Amino acid sequence: MIAASMAAIIIIVFCGCQNDISVVNSLTLKEKSPEEVIEDIHFFISKEGFVEQEFLIKKMNKYAYPERYLECPEGFEIISYKSNGTKRISLKADYGISYEDRKIMEARHNVVITNFTNGEIIETEHLIWNQDKKIIYSNQQIKQTLPDGSVYLGERFESNEDMSRYTIVKPHIVKYDAGE
């Protein structure tokens, strides 16, 4: 009688315990949650005592899985300065992401580049900086506003890293204000 009871308990224990593989996999997969969250970031990068860049970031999330990247889900602004301390260029966007290993940074949603040297403003919805190729580009429509108020639309945009030389593909004027 005891042997039969023991056999029944062994059968129940070993046959009754079954792992659902999807539950096991969900427990072992890393969640897509940030390793670090930093808020209200404001810092400067300087060289030889002169400020070169200023960064203003509302919130930055740092991820390591499935790849290393930094995300700015609430927007950012980067301002570069001339050696005399005056603003040269600013880049603002409502969202940013930087893939550390691929060396690609993307700015999305209400992307605005302001060139304080020549007074031009370039706007788009998506901008990519490829650090290996040393280019900044957008494959979406761009809007260029000149200091005289003239407005051009273009199909695409490509520039060198410091925005000193750029090309707007198929620009066409939508507003001309010179002298008005």
N, C-alpha and C. Protein backbone atom coordinates (compact mmCIF):
# COMPACT_ATOMS: atom_id res chain seq x y z
N MET A 1 0.82 -1.18 0.00
CA MET A 1 0.00 0.00 0.00
C MET A 1 0.87 1.26 0.00
N ILE A 2 1.89 1.25 0.81
CA ILE A 2 2.79 2.39 0.87
C ILE A 2 3.52 2.54 -0.45
N ALA A 3 3.92 1.43 -1.08
CA ALA A 3 4.63 1.47 -2.36
C ALA A 3 3.73 2.06 -3.43
N ALA A 4 2.46 1.70 -3.43
CA ALA A 4 1.52 2.22 -4.41
C ALA A 4 1.31 3.72 -4.20
N SER A 5 1.23 4.17 -2.98
CA SER A 5 1.06 5.60 -2.68
C SER A 5 2.29 6.40 -3.10
N MET A 6 3.45 5.82 -2.83
CA MET A 6 4.69 6.47 -3.21
C MET A 6 4.80 6.58 -4.73
N ALA A 7 4.43 5.53 -5.44
CA ALA A 7 4.47 5.55 -6.91
C ALA A 7 3.52 6.60 -7.45
N ALA A 8 2.35 6.73 -6.84
CA ALA A 8 1.37 7.73 -7.28
C ALA A 8 1.91 9.14 -7.07
N ILE A 9 2.56 9.38 -5.94
CA ILE A 9 3.12 10.70 -5.65
C ILE A 9 4.23 11.03 -6.64
N ILE A 10 5.09 10.06 -6.95
CA ILE A 10 6.19 10.27 -7.91
C ILE A 10 5.63 10.59 -9.28
N ILE A 11 4.61 9.86 -9.71
CA ILE A 11 4.00 10.10 -11.02
C ILE A 11 3.38 11.49 -11.06
N ILE A 12 2.69 11.88 -10.02
CA ILE A 12 2.05 13.21 -9.97
C ILE A 12 3.10 14.31 -10.01
N VAL A 13 4.16 14.14 -9.22
CA VAL A 13 5.19 15.17 -9.15
C VAL A 13 5.90 15.32 -10.49
N PHE A 14 6.31 14.22 -11.11
CA PHE A 14 7.08 14.33 -12.35
C PHE A 14 6.22 14.58 -13.58
N CYS A 15 5.03 14.10 -13.61
CA CYS A 15 4.17 14.31 -14.77
C CYS A 15 3.36 15.59 -14.65
N GLY A 16 3.10 16.01 -13.45
CA GLY A 16 2.31 17.21 -13.22
C GLY A 16 3.10 18.50 -13.42
N CYS A 17 4.41 18.44 -13.34
CA CYS A 17 5.25 19.62 -13.51
C CYS A 17 5.65 19.76 -14.96
N GLN A 18 5.08 20.71 -15.62
CA GLN A 18 5.39 20.92 -17.02
C GLN A 18 5.63 22.41 -17.23
N ASN A 19 6.71 22.74 -17.90
CA ASN A 19 7.03 24.14 -18.15
C ASN A 19 6.52 24.57 -19.52
N ASP A 20 5.81 25.68 -19.56
CA ASP A 20 5.39 26.27 -20.83
C ASP A 20 6.58 27.03 -21.38
N ILE A 21 7.09 26.60 -22.55
CA ILE A 21 8.32 27.18 -23.10
C ILE A 21 8.18 28.68 -23.38
N SER A 22 7.00 29.15 -23.74
CA SER A 22 6.82 30.58 -23.99
C SER A 22 6.96 31.38 -22.70
N VAL A 23 6.50 30.80 -21.57
CA VAL A 23 6.65 31.47 -20.29
C VAL A 23 8.12 31.51 -19.89
N VAL A 24 8.82 30.41 -20.10
CA VAL A 24 10.26 30.36 -19.78
C VAL A 24 11.01 31.36 -20.62
N ASN A 25 10.74 31.40 -21.92
CA ASN A 25 11.42 32.36 -22.81
C ASN A 25 11.14 33.80 -22.42
N SER A 26 9.91 34.09 -22.04
CA SER A 26 9.59 35.48 -21.67
C SER A 26 10.31 35.89 -20.40
N LEU A 27 10.60 34.95 -19.53
CA LEU A 27 11.32 35.27 -18.30
C LEU A 27 12.81 35.47 -18.55
N THR A 28 13.34 34.80 -19.57
CA THR A 28 14.78 34.90 -19.82
C THR A 28 15.14 36.02 -20.78
N LEU A 29 14.20 36.54 -21.57
CA LEU A 29 14.50 37.63 -22.47
C LEU A 29 14.64 38.93 -21.69
N LYS A 30 15.60 39.74 -22.08
CA LYS A 30 15.74 41.04 -21.43
C LYS A 30 14.64 41.96 -21.93
N GLU A 31 14.06 42.67 -21.03
CA GLU A 31 13.04 43.64 -21.39
C GLU A 31 13.67 44.81 -22.12
N LYS A 32 12.87 45.46 -22.98
CA LYS A 32 13.35 46.65 -23.66
C LYS A 32 13.10 47.85 -22.76
N SER A 33 13.90 47.92 -21.72
CA SER A 33 13.80 49.05 -20.81
C SER A 33 15.20 49.64 -20.65
N PRO A 34 15.27 50.94 -20.42
CA PRO A 34 16.59 51.58 -20.36
C PRO A 34 17.40 51.14 -19.15
N GLU A 35 18.72 51.08 -19.37
CA GLU A 35 19.65 50.83 -18.26
C GLU A 35 19.75 52.06 -17.37
N GLU A 36 19.71 53.23 -18.02
CA GLU A 36 19.82 54.50 -17.32
C GLU A 36 18.82 55.48 -17.90
N VAL A 37 18.29 56.35 -17.05
CA VAL A 37 17.43 57.44 -17.47
C VAL A 37 17.99 58.71 -16.83
N ILE A 38 18.29 59.70 -17.67
CA ILE A 38 18.83 60.96 -17.17
C ILE A 38 17.90 62.07 -17.66
N GLU A 39 17.57 63.00 -16.77
CA GLU A 39 16.66 64.08 -17.14
C GLU A 39 17.32 65.44 -16.96
N ASP A 40 16.83 66.40 -17.73
CA ASP A 40 17.27 67.80 -17.66
C ASP A 40 18.80 67.92 -17.78
N ILE A 41 19.31 67.46 -18.91
CA ILE A 41 20.75 67.49 -19.16
C ILE A 41 21.10 68.82 -19.83
N HIS A 42 22.15 69.46 -19.33
CA HIS A 42 22.66 70.69 -19.93
C HIS A 42 24.17 70.68 -19.72
N PHE A 43 24.92 70.48 -20.81
CA PHE A 43 26.36 70.46 -20.67
C PHE A 43 27.03 71.09 -21.88
N PHE A 44 28.31 71.40 -21.71
CA PHE A 44 29.11 72.06 -22.73
C PHE A 44 30.33 71.20 -23.05
N ILE A 45 30.77 71.28 -24.30
CA ILE A 45 32.04 70.68 -24.71
C ILE A 45 32.94 71.83 -25.12
N SER A 46 34.14 71.86 -24.54
CA SER A 46 35.06 72.94 -24.86
C SER A 46 36.39 72.38 -25.31
N LYS A 47 37.13 73.21 -26.00
CA LYS A 47 38.46 72.84 -26.48
C LYS A 47 39.35 74.06 -26.28
N GLU A 48 40.45 73.85 -25.59
CA GLU A 48 41.40 74.92 -25.32
C GLU A 48 40.73 76.15 -24.68
N GLY A 49 39.77 75.88 -23.80
CA GLY A 49 39.12 76.96 -23.07
C GLY A 49 37.95 77.61 -23.79
N PHE A 50 37.65 77.20 -25.01
CA PHE A 50 36.54 77.79 -25.76
C PHE A 50 35.41 76.78 -25.90
N VAL A 51 34.19 77.23 -25.65
CA VAL A 51 33.03 76.36 -25.79
C VAL A 51 32.81 76.08 -27.27
N GLU A 52 32.75 74.79 -27.62
CA GLU A 52 32.49 74.39 -29.01
C GLU A 52 31.04 73.98 -29.21
N GLN A 53 30.46 73.28 -28.21
CA GLN A 53 29.09 72.80 -28.34
C GLN A 53 28.38 72.86 -27.00
N GLU A 54 27.07 73.04 -27.09
CA GLU A 54 26.19 73.04 -25.92
C GLU A 54 25.07 72.06 -26.20
N PHE A 55 24.73 71.25 -25.21
CA PHE A 55 23.69 70.24 -25.35
C PHE A 55 22.60 70.49 -24.32
N LEU A 56 21.34 70.49 -24.78
CA LEU A 56 20.18 70.62 -23.90
C LEU A 56 19.26 69.44 -24.22
N ILE A 57 19.08 68.56 -23.25
CA ILE A 57 18.30 67.34 -23.47
C ILE A 57 17.31 67.20 -22.32
N LYS A 58 16.04 67.08 -22.64
CA LYS A 58 15.02 66.95 -21.59
C LYS A 58 15.12 65.61 -20.88
N LYS A 59 15.26 64.53 -21.66
CA LYS A 59 15.33 63.19 -21.09
C LYS A 59 16.14 62.31 -22.03
N MET A 60 17.07 61.54 -21.47
CA MET A 60 17.87 60.63 -22.28
C MET A 60 17.82 59.24 -21.65
N ASN A 61 17.49 58.26 -22.47
CA ASN A 61 17.46 56.86 -22.06
C ASN A 61 18.64 56.13 -22.69
N LYS A 62 19.34 55.34 -21.90
CA LYS A 62 20.48 54.58 -22.40
C LYS A 62 20.08 53.10 -22.41
N TYR A 63 20.27 52.46 -23.59
CA TYR A 63 19.93 51.06 -23.77
C TYR A 63 21.18 50.27 -24.14
N ALA A 64 21.20 49.00 -23.76
CA ALA A 64 22.31 48.13 -24.14
C ALA A 64 21.81 46.91 -24.91
N TYR A 65 20.51 46.69 -24.94
CA TYR A 65 19.96 45.50 -25.58
C TYR A 65 18.77 45.89 -26.43
N PRO A 66 18.60 45.46 -27.61
CA PRO A 66 19.40 44.48 -28.36
C PRO A 66 20.67 45.07 -28.96
N GLU A 67 20.79 46.40 -28.96
CA GLU A 67 22.04 47.04 -29.35
C GLU A 67 22.20 48.29 -28.49
N ARG A 68 23.43 48.83 -28.44
CA ARG A 68 23.69 50.01 -27.61
C ARG A 68 23.20 51.26 -28.33
N TYR A 69 22.32 52.01 -27.65
CA TYR A 69 21.88 53.28 -28.21
C TYR A 69 21.40 54.21 -27.12
N LEU A 70 21.39 55.49 -27.46
CA LEU A 70 20.87 56.54 -26.60
C LEU A 70 19.63 57.11 -27.27
N GLU A 71 18.60 57.36 -26.50
CA GLU A 71 17.36 57.88 -27.05
C GLU A 71 16.96 59.14 -26.28
N CYS A 72 16.54 60.15 -27.02
CA CYS A 72 16.02 61.39 -26.44
C CYS A 72 14.55 61.50 -26.85
N PRO A 73 13.65 60.85 -26.09
CA PRO A 73 12.25 60.79 -26.50
C PRO A 73 11.48 62.09 -26.36
N GLU A 74 12.04 63.06 -25.63
CA GLU A 74 11.34 64.33 -25.42
C GLU A 74 12.06 65.49 -26.08
N GLY A 75 12.95 65.19 -27.01
CA GLY A 75 13.61 66.22 -27.79
C GLY A 75 14.96 66.64 -27.25
N PHE A 76 15.64 67.45 -28.06
CA PHE A 76 16.98 67.91 -27.72
C PHE A 76 17.32 69.15 -28.53
N GLU A 77 18.38 69.84 -28.12
CA GLU A 77 18.96 70.93 -28.89
C GLU A 77 20.47 70.86 -28.75
N ILE A 78 21.16 71.00 -29.85
CA ILE A 78 22.62 71.06 -29.87
C ILE A 78 23.00 72.38 -30.53
N ILE A 79 23.85 73.15 -29.86
CA ILE A 79 24.29 74.44 -30.39
C ILE A 79 25.80 74.38 -30.54
N SER A 80 26.29 74.74 -31.73
CA SER A 80 27.74 74.83 -31.91
C SER A 80 28.13 76.30 -31.96
N TYR A 81 29.33 76.58 -31.46
CA TYR A 81 29.80 77.95 -31.31
C TYR A 81 31.07 78.18 -32.12
N LYS A 82 31.25 79.44 -32.55
CA LYS A 82 32.50 79.87 -33.16
C LYS A 82 33.52 80.08 -32.05
N SER A 83 34.78 80.23 -32.43
CA SER A 83 35.84 80.43 -31.42
C SER A 83 35.68 81.73 -30.64
N ASN A 84 34.93 82.70 -31.19
CA ASN A 84 34.72 83.96 -30.47
C ASN A 84 33.52 83.89 -29.51
N GLY A 85 32.89 82.72 -29.42
CA GLY A 85 31.79 82.53 -28.47
C GLY A 85 30.41 82.78 -29.03
N THR A 86 30.30 83.21 -30.29
CA THR A 86 28.97 83.43 -30.87
C THR A 86 28.43 82.12 -31.43
N LYS A 87 27.10 82.02 -31.46
CA LYS A 87 26.46 80.82 -31.99
C LYS A 87 26.74 80.69 -33.48
N ARG A 88 27.00 79.46 -33.90
CA ARG A 88 27.22 79.17 -35.31
C ARG A 88 26.01 78.45 -35.90
N ILE A 89 25.65 77.30 -35.31
CA ILE A 89 24.54 76.50 -35.80
C ILE A 89 23.83 75.86 -34.62
N SER A 90 22.50 75.73 -34.72
CA SER A 90 21.77 74.94 -33.73
C SER A 90 20.94 73.89 -34.46
N LEU A 91 20.77 72.77 -33.79
CA LEU A 91 19.94 71.67 -34.29
C LEU A 91 18.96 71.33 -33.19
N LYS A 92 17.65 71.42 -33.51
CA LYS A 92 16.59 71.07 -32.56
C LYS A 92 15.72 70.00 -33.18
N ALA A 93 15.21 69.11 -32.34
CA ALA A 93 14.25 68.11 -32.81
C ALA A 93 13.43 67.63 -31.63
N ASP A 94 12.26 67.09 -31.93
CA ASP A 94 11.38 66.57 -30.88
C ASP A 94 11.77 65.17 -30.43
N TYR A 95 12.63 64.50 -31.20
CA TYR A 95 13.06 63.14 -30.86
C TYR A 95 14.46 62.91 -31.44
N GLY A 96 15.28 62.18 -30.70
CA GLY A 96 16.61 61.84 -31.20
C GLY A 96 17.01 60.46 -30.75
N ILE A 97 17.83 59.80 -31.58
CA ILE A 97 18.36 58.49 -31.23
C ILE A 97 19.76 58.38 -31.81
N SER A 98 20.67 57.81 -31.04
CA SER A 98 22.06 57.66 -31.47
C SER A 98 22.48 56.21 -31.26
N TYR A 99 22.77 55.52 -32.37
CA TYR A 99 23.22 54.13 -32.33
C TYR A 99 24.73 54.14 -32.18
N GLU A 100 25.21 53.77 -31.00
CA GLU A 100 26.61 53.92 -30.66
C GLU A 100 27.53 53.08 -31.53
N ASP A 101 27.21 51.82 -31.75
CA ASP A 101 28.10 50.94 -32.52
C ASP A 101 28.08 51.26 -34.01
N ARG A 102 26.92 51.64 -34.53
CA ARG A 102 26.80 51.96 -35.96
C ARG A 102 27.23 53.38 -36.28
N LYS A 103 27.40 54.21 -35.25
CA LYS A 103 27.79 55.62 -35.40
C LYS A 103 26.81 56.39 -36.30
N ILE A 104 25.54 56.18 -36.00
CA ILE A 104 24.45 56.85 -36.71
C ILE A 104 23.61 57.59 -35.68
N MET A 105 23.36 58.88 -35.94
CA MET A 105 22.46 59.65 -35.09
C MET A 105 21.29 60.12 -35.95
N GLU A 106 20.09 60.01 -35.42
CA GLU A 106 18.91 60.46 -36.15
C GLU A 106 18.14 61.48 -35.33
N ALA A 107 17.67 62.49 -36.00
CA ALA A 107 16.77 63.49 -35.40
C ALA A 107 15.46 63.38 -36.16
N ARG A 108 14.36 63.35 -35.41
CA ARG A 108 13.05 63.18 -36.03
C ARG A 108 12.04 64.17 -35.45
N HIS A 109 11.06 64.49 -36.25
CA HIS A 109 9.90 65.30 -35.86
C HIS A 109 10.31 66.75 -35.55
N ASN A 110 9.87 67.63 -36.40
CA ASN A 110 10.12 69.06 -36.25
C ASN A 110 11.61 69.37 -36.12
N VAL A 111 12.39 68.83 -37.03
CA VAL A 111 13.83 69.06 -37.03
C VAL A 111 14.10 70.44 -37.62
N VAL A 112 14.83 71.26 -36.87
CA VAL A 112 15.13 72.62 -37.32
C VAL A 112 16.63 72.88 -37.16
N ILE A 113 17.27 73.25 -38.27
CA ILE A 113 18.69 73.63 -38.25
C ILE A 113 18.72 75.13 -38.51
N THR A 114 19.30 75.87 -37.58
CA THR A 114 19.43 77.32 -37.73
C THR A 114 20.90 77.65 -37.89
N ASN A 115 21.24 78.31 -39.00
CA ASN A 115 22.61 78.75 -39.25
C ASN A 115 22.68 80.23 -38.88
N PHE A 116 23.30 80.52 -37.74
CA PHE A 116 23.36 81.90 -37.25
C PHE A 116 24.34 82.75 -38.05
N THR A 117 25.26 82.10 -38.77
CA THR A 117 26.25 82.82 -39.57
C THR A 117 25.61 83.47 -40.79
N ASN A 118 24.77 82.71 -41.52
CA ASN A 118 24.18 83.26 -42.73
C ASN A 118 22.67 83.50 -42.63
N GLY A 119 22.06 83.15 -41.48
CA GLY A 119 20.65 83.43 -41.28
C GLY A 119 19.69 82.43 -41.89
N GLU A 120 20.18 81.34 -42.44
CA GLU A 120 19.31 80.34 -43.06
C GLU A 120 18.72 79.40 -42.01
N ILE A 121 17.53 78.90 -42.32
CA ILE A 121 16.86 77.90 -41.48
C ILE A 121 16.45 76.74 -42.39
N ILE A 122 16.78 75.53 -41.98
CA ILE A 122 16.40 74.34 -42.73
C ILE A 122 15.53 73.49 -41.81
N GLU A 123 14.38 73.04 -42.35
CA GLU A 123 13.44 72.24 -41.58
C GLU A 123 13.12 70.95 -42.32
N THR A 124 12.96 69.87 -41.57
CA THR A 124 12.58 68.58 -42.13
C THR A 124 11.98 67.73 -41.03
N GLU A 125 11.55 66.54 -41.35
CA GLU A 125 10.99 65.63 -40.34
C GLU A 125 11.96 64.53 -39.94
N HIS A 126 13.05 64.38 -40.69
CA HIS A 126 14.00 63.30 -40.39
C HIS A 126 15.38 63.69 -40.91
N LEU A 127 16.36 63.65 -40.04
CA LEU A 127 17.73 63.99 -40.40
C LEU A 127 18.65 62.91 -39.85
N ILE A 128 19.64 62.50 -40.63
CA ILE A 128 20.56 61.44 -40.24
C ILE A 128 21.99 61.97 -40.31
N TRP A 129 22.77 61.66 -39.28
CA TRP A 129 24.20 61.98 -39.27
C TRP A 129 24.95 60.67 -39.27
N ASN A 130 25.66 60.39 -40.36
CA ASN A 130 26.50 59.20 -40.47
C ASN A 130 27.92 59.63 -40.12
N GLN A 131 28.37 59.28 -38.92
CA GLN A 131 29.67 59.73 -38.44
C GLN A 131 30.83 59.09 -39.21
N ASP A 132 30.68 57.85 -39.66
CA ASP A 132 31.75 57.20 -40.43
C ASP A 132 31.93 57.88 -41.78
N LYS A 133 30.83 58.21 -42.45
CA LYS A 133 30.90 58.86 -43.76
C LYS A 133 31.06 60.37 -43.66
N LYS A 134 30.90 60.90 -42.44
CA LYS A 134 31.03 62.33 -42.18
C LYS A 134 30.03 63.17 -42.98
N ILE A 135 28.78 62.66 -43.06
CA ILE A 135 27.73 63.40 -43.77
C ILE A 135 26.47 63.49 -42.92
N ILE A 136 25.71 64.53 -43.19
CA ILE A 136 24.39 64.74 -42.60
C ILE A 136 23.43 64.81 -43.78
N TYR A 137 22.32 64.07 -43.68
CA TYR A 137 21.40 64.06 -44.82
C TYR A 137 19.97 63.80 -44.38
N SER A 138 19.05 64.12 -45.29
CA SER A 138 17.64 63.82 -45.11
C SER A 138 17.10 63.34 -46.45
N ASN A 139 16.38 62.25 -46.44
CA ASN A 139 15.74 61.75 -47.65
C ASN A 139 14.27 62.14 -47.69
N GLN A 140 13.89 63.07 -46.82
CA GLN A 140 12.53 63.58 -46.81
C GLN A 140 12.54 65.04 -47.26
N GLN A 141 11.37 65.56 -47.57
CA GLN A 141 11.25 66.94 -48.02
C GLN A 141 11.86 67.89 -46.99
N ILE A 142 12.56 68.89 -47.50
CA ILE A 142 13.13 69.91 -46.62
C ILE A 142 12.59 71.28 -47.03
N LYS A 143 12.60 72.16 -46.05
CA LYS A 143 12.18 73.54 -46.28
C LYS A 143 13.35 74.42 -45.88
N GLN A 144 13.76 75.31 -46.78
CA GLN A 144 14.86 76.25 -46.52
C GLN A 144 14.29 77.66 -46.52
N THR A 145 14.54 78.38 -45.44
CA THR A 145 14.12 79.78 -45.35
C THR A 145 15.38 80.63 -45.32
N LEU A 146 15.48 81.56 -46.28
CA LEU A 146 16.64 82.43 -46.38
C LEU A 146 16.42 83.71 -45.57
N PRO A 147 17.49 84.44 -45.27
CA PRO A 147 17.35 85.67 -44.47
C PRO A 147 16.41 86.71 -45.07
N ASP A 148 16.27 86.72 -46.40
CA ASP A 148 15.38 87.70 -47.04
C ASP A 148 13.92 87.27 -47.00
N GLY A 149 13.62 86.10 -46.40
CA GLY A 149 12.25 85.61 -46.30
C GLY A 149 11.86 84.65 -47.39
N SER A 150 12.72 84.46 -48.39
CA SER A 150 12.43 83.50 -49.45
C SER A 150 12.39 82.09 -48.88
N VAL A 151 11.46 81.29 -49.40
CA VAL A 151 11.29 79.92 -48.92
C VAL A 151 11.40 78.96 -50.10
N TYR A 152 12.23 77.94 -49.94
CA TYR A 152 12.42 76.90 -50.94
C TYR A 152 12.06 75.56 -50.34
N LEU A 153 11.49 74.69 -51.16
CA LEU A 153 11.27 73.30 -50.78
C LEU A 153 12.17 72.44 -51.64
N GLY A 154 12.65 71.35 -51.08
CA GLY A 154 13.50 70.44 -51.82
C GLY A 154 13.15 69.00 -51.47
N GLU A 155 13.52 68.08 -52.37
CA GLU A 155 13.21 66.67 -52.15
C GLU A 155 14.10 66.03 -51.09
N ARG A 156 15.36 66.40 -51.08
CA ARG A 156 16.34 65.80 -50.17
C ARG A 156 17.37 66.84 -49.80
N PHE A 157 18.26 66.44 -48.87
CA PHE A 157 19.28 67.35 -48.37
C PHE A 157 20.51 66.52 -48.02
N GLU A 158 21.70 67.06 -48.35
CA GLU A 158 22.94 66.41 -47.94
C GLU A 158 23.98 67.48 -47.62
N SER A 159 24.75 67.24 -46.54
CA SER A 159 25.72 68.23 -46.09
C SER A 159 26.96 67.55 -45.52
N ASN A 160 28.05 68.33 -45.45
CA ASN A 160 29.20 67.86 -44.69
C ASN A 160 28.86 68.02 -43.20
N GLU A 161 29.72 67.50 -42.32
CA GLU A 161 29.42 67.48 -40.89
C GLU A 161 29.25 68.85 -40.26
N ASP A 162 30.01 69.83 -40.70
CA ASP A 162 29.91 71.14 -40.05
C ASP A 162 28.89 72.07 -40.73
N MET A 163 28.14 71.51 -41.68
CA MET A 163 27.07 72.24 -42.38
C MET A 163 27.58 73.44 -43.17
N SER A 164 28.86 73.45 -43.52
CA SER A 164 29.40 74.58 -44.28
C SER A 164 29.15 74.43 -45.78
N ARG A 165 28.95 73.21 -46.25
CA ARG A 165 28.63 72.95 -47.66
C ARG A 165 27.49 71.94 -47.71
N TYR A 166 26.41 72.32 -48.39
CA TYR A 166 25.30 71.38 -48.50
C TYR A 166 24.61 71.51 -49.86
N THR A 167 23.82 70.48 -50.16
CA THR A 167 23.08 70.42 -51.41
C THR A 167 21.62 70.14 -51.10
N ILE A 168 20.76 70.90 -51.74
CA ILE A 168 19.32 70.64 -51.67
C ILE A 168 18.93 70.10 -53.04
N VAL A 169 18.37 68.90 -53.05
CA VAL A 169 18.02 68.25 -54.31
C VAL A 169 16.66 68.73 -54.79
N LYS A 170 16.61 69.19 -56.03
CA LYS A 170 15.41 69.70 -56.70
C LYS A 170 14.71 70.80 -55.90
N PRO A 171 15.43 71.89 -55.61
CA PRO A 171 14.78 72.98 -54.88
C PRO A 171 13.83 73.75 -55.79
N HIS A 172 12.76 74.21 -55.23
CA HIS A 172 11.87 75.11 -55.96
C HIS A 172 11.31 76.14 -54.97
N ILE A 173 11.19 77.35 -55.47
CA ILE A 173 10.78 78.46 -54.61
C ILE A 173 9.27 78.41 -54.38
N VAL A 174 8.87 78.68 -53.14
CA VAL A 174 7.45 78.75 -52.83
C VAL A 174 7.07 80.14 -52.33
N LYS A 175 8.07 80.93 -51.95
CA LYS A 175 7.81 82.30 -51.50
C LYS A 175 9.07 83.12 -51.73
N TYR A 176 8.88 84.30 -52.30
CA TYR A 176 10.01 85.19 -52.52
C TYR A 176 9.68 86.55 -51.94
N ASP A 177 10.50 87.03 -50.98
CA ASP A 177 10.21 88.27 -50.27
C ASP A 177 11.27 89.36 -50.46
N ALA A 178 12.27 89.13 -51.27
CA ALA A 178 13.38 90.10 -51.37
C ALA A 178 12.83 91.48 -51.70
N GLY A 179 13.13 92.43 -50.82
CA GLY A 179 12.73 93.80 -51.06
C GLY A 179 11.31 94.13 -50.66
N GLU A 180 10.55 93.17 -50.24
CA GLU A 180 9.15 93.45 -49.87
C GLU A 180 9.07 94.01 -48.48
